[in-house]
Amino acid sequence: MKKMFGGIGIFKEGTMFALISKEENLYLRVDEQTKEQFEEHGMGPFNPSKKGNGMPYYGVPVDVIEDQDQLVEWALIAYKTALRNKKKK
């Protein structure tokens, strides 16, 4: 974990795949292939500045947070999404 965006970035093996906002909301990494899953639950992007479209991290629905198995599944998808979209050095 690392402080960033006024909250905390969550990393696995050096890849950020989630964040907790200063308001203590959980967001997971999305891309064009995965964001629909979040939008179907009425969730939107993390947007700390309230300008533009926000960042590629979408809020996690409460029912997912409360179901440990489902939360792990969503987190793994977010991690794979982060790896797929990782900028090459």
N, C-alpha and C. Protein backbone atom coordinates (compact mmCIF):
# COMPACT_ATOMS: atom_id res chain seq x y z
N MET A 1 0.85 -1.18 0.00
CA MET A 1 0.00 0.00 0.00
C MET A 1 0.89 1.24 0.00
N LYS A 2 0.34 2.30 -0.59
CA LYS A 2 1.09 3.54 -0.69
C LYS A 2 0.10 4.70 -0.72
N LYS A 3 0.42 5.78 0.00
CA LYS A 3 -0.45 6.95 -0.01
C LYS A 3 -0.43 7.59 -1.39
N MET A 4 -1.62 7.87 -1.91
CA MET A 4 -1.73 8.57 -3.19
C MET A 4 -3.17 9.03 -3.41
N PHE A 5 -3.30 10.10 -4.20
CA PHE A 5 -4.61 10.67 -4.54
C PHE A 5 -5.44 11.01 -3.31
N GLY A 6 -4.79 11.33 -2.20
CA GLY A 6 -5.50 11.65 -0.97
C GLY A 6 -6.00 10.41 -0.26
N GLY A 7 -5.68 9.24 -0.79
CA GLY A 7 -6.10 7.97 -0.19
C GLY A 7 -4.95 6.99 -0.17
N ILE A 8 -5.27 5.73 -0.44
CA ILE A 8 -4.26 4.67 -0.40
C ILE A 8 -4.36 3.83 -1.66
N GLY A 9 -3.23 3.65 -2.36
CA GLY A 9 -3.16 2.76 -3.50
C GLY A 9 -2.83 1.36 -3.01
N ILE A 10 -3.47 0.36 -3.60
CA ILE A 10 -3.23 -1.04 -3.22
C ILE A 10 -2.54 -1.73 -4.39
N PHE A 11 -1.40 -2.35 -4.09
CA PHE A 11 -0.55 -2.95 -5.11
C PHE A 11 -0.37 -4.44 -4.86
N LYS A 12 -0.14 -5.16 -5.94
CA LYS A 12 0.29 -6.55 -5.88
C LYS A 12 1.46 -6.68 -6.83
N GLU A 13 2.58 -7.15 -6.31
CA GLU A 13 3.79 -7.34 -7.12
C GLU A 13 4.11 -6.10 -7.95
N GLY A 14 3.99 -4.91 -7.32
CA GLY A 14 4.34 -3.66 -7.97
C GLY A 14 3.31 -3.07 -8.90
N THR A 15 2.15 -3.69 -9.00
CA THR A 15 1.10 -3.21 -9.90
C THR A 15 -0.10 -2.74 -9.08
N MET A 16 -0.47 -1.48 -9.26
CA MET A 16 -1.63 -0.94 -8.55
C MET A 16 -2.90 -1.43 -9.23
N PHE A 17 -3.80 -2.02 -8.43
CA PHE A 17 -5.06 -2.53 -8.98
C PHE A 17 -6.28 -2.04 -8.22
N ALA A 18 -6.05 -1.34 -7.11
CA ALA A 18 -7.17 -0.85 -6.30
C ALA A 18 -6.74 0.38 -5.52
N LEU A 19 -7.73 1.11 -5.03
CA LEU A 19 -7.43 2.23 -4.15
C LEU A 19 -8.58 2.45 -3.19
N ILE A 20 -8.23 3.03 -2.07
CA ILE A 20 -9.22 3.44 -1.07
C ILE A 20 -9.15 4.95 -1.01
N SER A 21 -10.26 5.61 -1.28
CA SER A 21 -10.29 7.08 -1.29
C SER A 21 -10.24 7.63 0.12
N LYS A 22 -10.00 8.92 0.23
CA LYS A 22 -9.98 9.54 1.56
C LYS A 22 -11.34 9.45 2.24
N GLU A 23 -12.40 9.23 1.45
CA GLU A 23 -13.74 9.02 2.01
C GLU A 23 -13.96 7.55 2.40
N GLU A 24 -12.90 6.74 2.23
CA GLU A 24 -12.90 5.32 2.59
C GLU A 24 -13.77 4.47 1.67
N ASN A 25 -13.87 4.86 0.40
CA ASN A 25 -14.55 4.05 -0.61
C ASN A 25 -13.51 3.21 -1.35
N LEU A 26 -13.88 1.99 -1.71
CA LEU A 26 -12.99 1.09 -2.42
C LEU A 26 -13.26 1.19 -3.92
N TYR A 27 -12.18 1.30 -4.69
CA TYR A 27 -12.24 1.37 -6.15
C TYR A 27 -11.30 0.31 -6.73
N LEU A 28 -11.72 -0.31 -7.84
CA LEU A 28 -10.90 -1.32 -8.52
C LEU A 28 -10.60 -0.87 -9.94
N ARG A 29 -9.47 -1.31 -10.47
CA ARG A 29 -9.01 -0.95 -11.81
C ARG A 29 -9.94 -1.55 -12.86
N VAL A 30 -10.31 -0.73 -13.84
CA VAL A 30 -11.17 -1.17 -14.94
C VAL A 30 -10.55 -0.77 -16.27
N ASP A 31 -11.07 -1.33 -17.33
CA ASP A 31 -10.77 -0.90 -18.69
C ASP A 31 -12.03 -1.11 -19.51
N GLU A 32 -11.93 -0.95 -20.81
CA GLU A 32 -13.10 -1.09 -21.67
C GLU A 32 -13.73 -2.48 -21.57
N GLN A 33 -12.93 -3.49 -21.26
CA GLN A 33 -13.44 -4.86 -21.16
C GLN A 33 -14.18 -5.13 -19.85
N THR A 34 -13.88 -4.37 -18.80
CA THR A 34 -14.43 -4.70 -17.48
C THR A 34 -15.34 -3.64 -16.85
N LYS A 35 -15.31 -2.41 -17.34
CA LYS A 35 -16.07 -1.37 -16.63
C LYS A 35 -17.58 -1.56 -16.70
N GLU A 36 -18.06 -2.26 -17.72
CA GLU A 36 -19.51 -2.49 -17.83
C GLU A 36 -20.05 -3.23 -16.61
N GLN A 37 -19.26 -4.16 -16.08
CA GLN A 37 -19.66 -4.91 -14.88
C GLN A 37 -19.94 -3.95 -13.72
N PHE A 38 -19.15 -2.90 -13.59
CA PHE A 38 -19.33 -1.92 -12.53
C PHE A 38 -20.51 -1.00 -12.83
N GLU A 39 -20.61 -0.57 -14.09
CA GLU A 39 -21.70 0.32 -14.49
C GLU A 39 -23.06 -0.35 -14.33
N GLU A 40 -23.13 -1.68 -14.54
CA GLU A 40 -24.38 -2.41 -14.36
C GLU A 40 -24.85 -2.36 -12.90
N HIS A 41 -23.93 -2.13 -11.99
CA HIS A 41 -24.26 -2.00 -10.57
C HIS A 41 -24.38 -0.53 -10.14
N GLY A 42 -24.39 0.38 -11.13
CA GLY A 42 -24.56 1.80 -10.84
C GLY A 42 -23.31 2.49 -10.32
N MET A 43 -22.15 1.88 -10.52
CA MET A 43 -20.91 2.45 -10.01
C MET A 43 -20.23 3.28 -11.09
N GLY A 44 -19.47 4.28 -10.65
CA GLY A 44 -18.77 5.16 -11.58
C GLY A 44 -17.31 5.31 -11.22
N PRO A 45 -16.59 6.14 -11.97
CA PRO A 45 -15.15 6.26 -11.79
C PRO A 45 -14.75 7.10 -10.58
N PHE A 46 -13.55 6.80 -10.11
CA PHE A 46 -12.91 7.62 -9.08
C PHE A 46 -12.50 8.92 -9.75
N ASN A 47 -12.92 10.03 -9.19
CA ASN A 47 -12.66 11.33 -9.79
C ASN A 47 -12.32 12.32 -8.68
N PRO A 48 -11.06 12.31 -8.20
CA PRO A 48 -10.71 13.15 -7.06
C PRO A 48 -10.82 14.64 -7.32
N SER A 49 -10.65 15.07 -8.57
CA SER A 49 -10.70 16.51 -8.86
C SER A 49 -12.07 16.97 -9.32
N LYS A 50 -12.97 16.02 -9.57
CA LYS A 50 -14.32 16.31 -10.07
C LYS A 50 -14.30 16.99 -11.43
N LYS A 51 -13.15 16.89 -12.13
CA LYS A 51 -13.03 17.42 -13.48
C LYS A 51 -12.76 16.25 -14.42
N GLY A 52 -13.19 16.36 -15.64
CA GLY A 52 -12.92 15.31 -16.62
C GLY A 52 -13.70 14.04 -16.34
N ASN A 53 -13.19 12.93 -16.87
CA ASN A 53 -13.89 11.65 -16.78
C ASN A 53 -13.45 10.80 -15.60
N GLY A 54 -12.51 11.24 -14.85
CA GLY A 54 -12.05 10.45 -13.72
C GLY A 54 -10.93 9.51 -14.12
N MET A 55 -10.63 8.61 -13.23
CA MET A 55 -9.53 7.67 -13.43
C MET A 55 -10.09 6.29 -13.75
N PRO A 56 -9.25 5.36 -14.22
CA PRO A 56 -9.74 4.02 -14.58
C PRO A 56 -9.94 3.11 -13.37
N TYR A 57 -10.53 3.65 -12.33
CA TYR A 57 -10.86 2.89 -11.12
C TYR A 57 -12.32 3.19 -10.82
N TYR A 58 -13.13 2.15 -10.68
CA TYR A 58 -14.55 2.30 -10.43
C TYR A 58 -14.89 1.80 -9.03
N GLY A 59 -15.90 2.43 -8.44
CA GLY A 59 -16.37 2.03 -7.12
C GLY A 59 -16.87 0.60 -7.09
N VAL A 60 -16.74 -0.02 -5.93
CA VAL A 60 -17.18 -1.40 -5.74
C VAL A 60 -18.51 -1.39 -5.00
N PRO A 61 -19.52 -2.08 -5.53
CA PRO A 61 -20.83 -2.11 -4.87
C PRO A 61 -20.74 -2.72 -3.47
N VAL A 62 -21.57 -2.24 -2.57
CA VAL A 62 -21.59 -2.72 -1.19
C VAL A 62 -21.83 -4.22 -1.12
N ASP A 63 -22.74 -4.74 -1.94
CA ASP A 63 -23.02 -6.18 -1.88
C ASP A 63 -21.78 -7.01 -2.23
N VAL A 64 -20.92 -6.48 -3.10
CA VAL A 64 -19.68 -7.18 -3.43
C VAL A 64 -18.70 -7.09 -2.26
N ILE A 65 -18.60 -5.93 -1.65
CA ILE A 65 -17.70 -5.75 -0.50
C ILE A 65 -18.10 -6.67 0.64
N GLU A 66 -19.38 -6.87 0.83
CA GLU A 66 -19.87 -7.69 1.93
C GLU A 66 -19.78 -9.20 1.68
N ASP A 67 -19.48 -9.60 0.45
CA ASP A 67 -19.35 -11.01 0.09
C ASP A 67 -17.88 -11.30 -0.21
N GLN A 68 -17.18 -11.88 0.74
CA GLN A 68 -15.74 -12.07 0.63
C GLN A 68 -15.33 -12.80 -0.66
N ASP A 69 -16.03 -13.86 -1.02
CA ASP A 69 -15.69 -14.62 -2.22
C ASP A 69 -15.84 -13.76 -3.47
N GLN A 70 -16.93 -13.01 -3.53
CA GLN A 70 -17.18 -12.15 -4.68
C GLN A 70 -16.15 -11.01 -4.74
N LEU A 71 -15.79 -10.46 -3.59
CA LEU A 71 -14.80 -9.39 -3.54
C LEU A 71 -13.44 -9.89 -4.04
N VAL A 72 -13.04 -11.07 -3.64
CA VAL A 72 -11.78 -11.65 -4.12
C VAL A 72 -11.84 -11.82 -5.64
N GLU A 73 -12.96 -12.31 -6.15
CA GLU A 73 -13.12 -12.49 -7.60
C GLU A 73 -12.97 -11.17 -8.35
N TRP A 74 -13.65 -10.13 -7.86
CA TRP A 74 -13.57 -8.81 -8.49
C TRP A 74 -12.15 -8.25 -8.39
N ALA A 75 -11.50 -8.44 -7.25
CA ALA A 75 -10.13 -7.94 -7.07
C ALA A 75 -9.17 -8.63 -8.03
N LEU A 76 -9.33 -9.93 -8.23
CA LEU A 76 -8.48 -10.65 -9.19
C LEU A 76 -8.69 -10.16 -10.61
N ILE A 77 -9.93 -9.88 -10.96
CA ILE A 77 -10.22 -9.31 -12.28
C ILE A 77 -9.54 -7.95 -12.42
N ALA A 78 -9.61 -7.13 -11.36
CA ALA A 78 -8.98 -5.80 -11.38
C ALA A 78 -7.47 -5.93 -11.52
N TYR A 79 -6.87 -6.89 -10.83
CA TYR A 79 -5.43 -7.09 -10.94
C TYR A 79 -5.05 -7.50 -12.36
N LYS A 80 -5.79 -8.44 -12.95
CA LYS A 80 -5.52 -8.86 -14.33
C LYS A 80 -5.71 -7.69 -15.30
N THR A 81 -6.70 -6.85 -15.02
CA THR A 81 -6.94 -5.66 -15.84
C THR A 81 -5.75 -4.71 -15.74
N ALA A 82 -5.26 -4.50 -14.54
CA ALA A 82 -4.10 -3.63 -14.33
C ALA A 82 -2.88 -4.17 -15.07
N LEU A 83 -2.66 -5.47 -15.00
CA LEU A 83 -1.52 -6.06 -15.71
C LEU A 83 -1.66 -5.89 -17.22
N ARG A 84 -2.88 -6.09 -17.72
CA ARG A 84 -3.13 -5.98 -19.15
C ARG A 84 -2.90 -4.55 -19.65
N ASN A 85 -3.14 -3.57 -18.80
CA ASN A 85 -3.04 -2.17 -19.19
C ASN A 85 -1.79 -1.47 -18.66
N LYS A 86 -0.88 -2.24 -18.09
CA LYS A 86 0.34 -1.67 -17.51
C LYS A 86 1.19 -1.05 -18.62
N LYS A 87 1.67 0.18 -18.35
CA LYS A 87 2.51 0.86 -19.33
C LYS A 87 3.87 0.18 -19.38
N LYS A 88 4.30 -0.06 -20.57
CA LYS A 88 5.60 -0.67 -20.74
C LYS A 88 6.69 0.39 -20.60
N LYS A 89 7.77 0.00 -19.91
CA LYS A 89 8.87 0.94 -19.69
C LYS A 89 9.86 0.92 -20.83
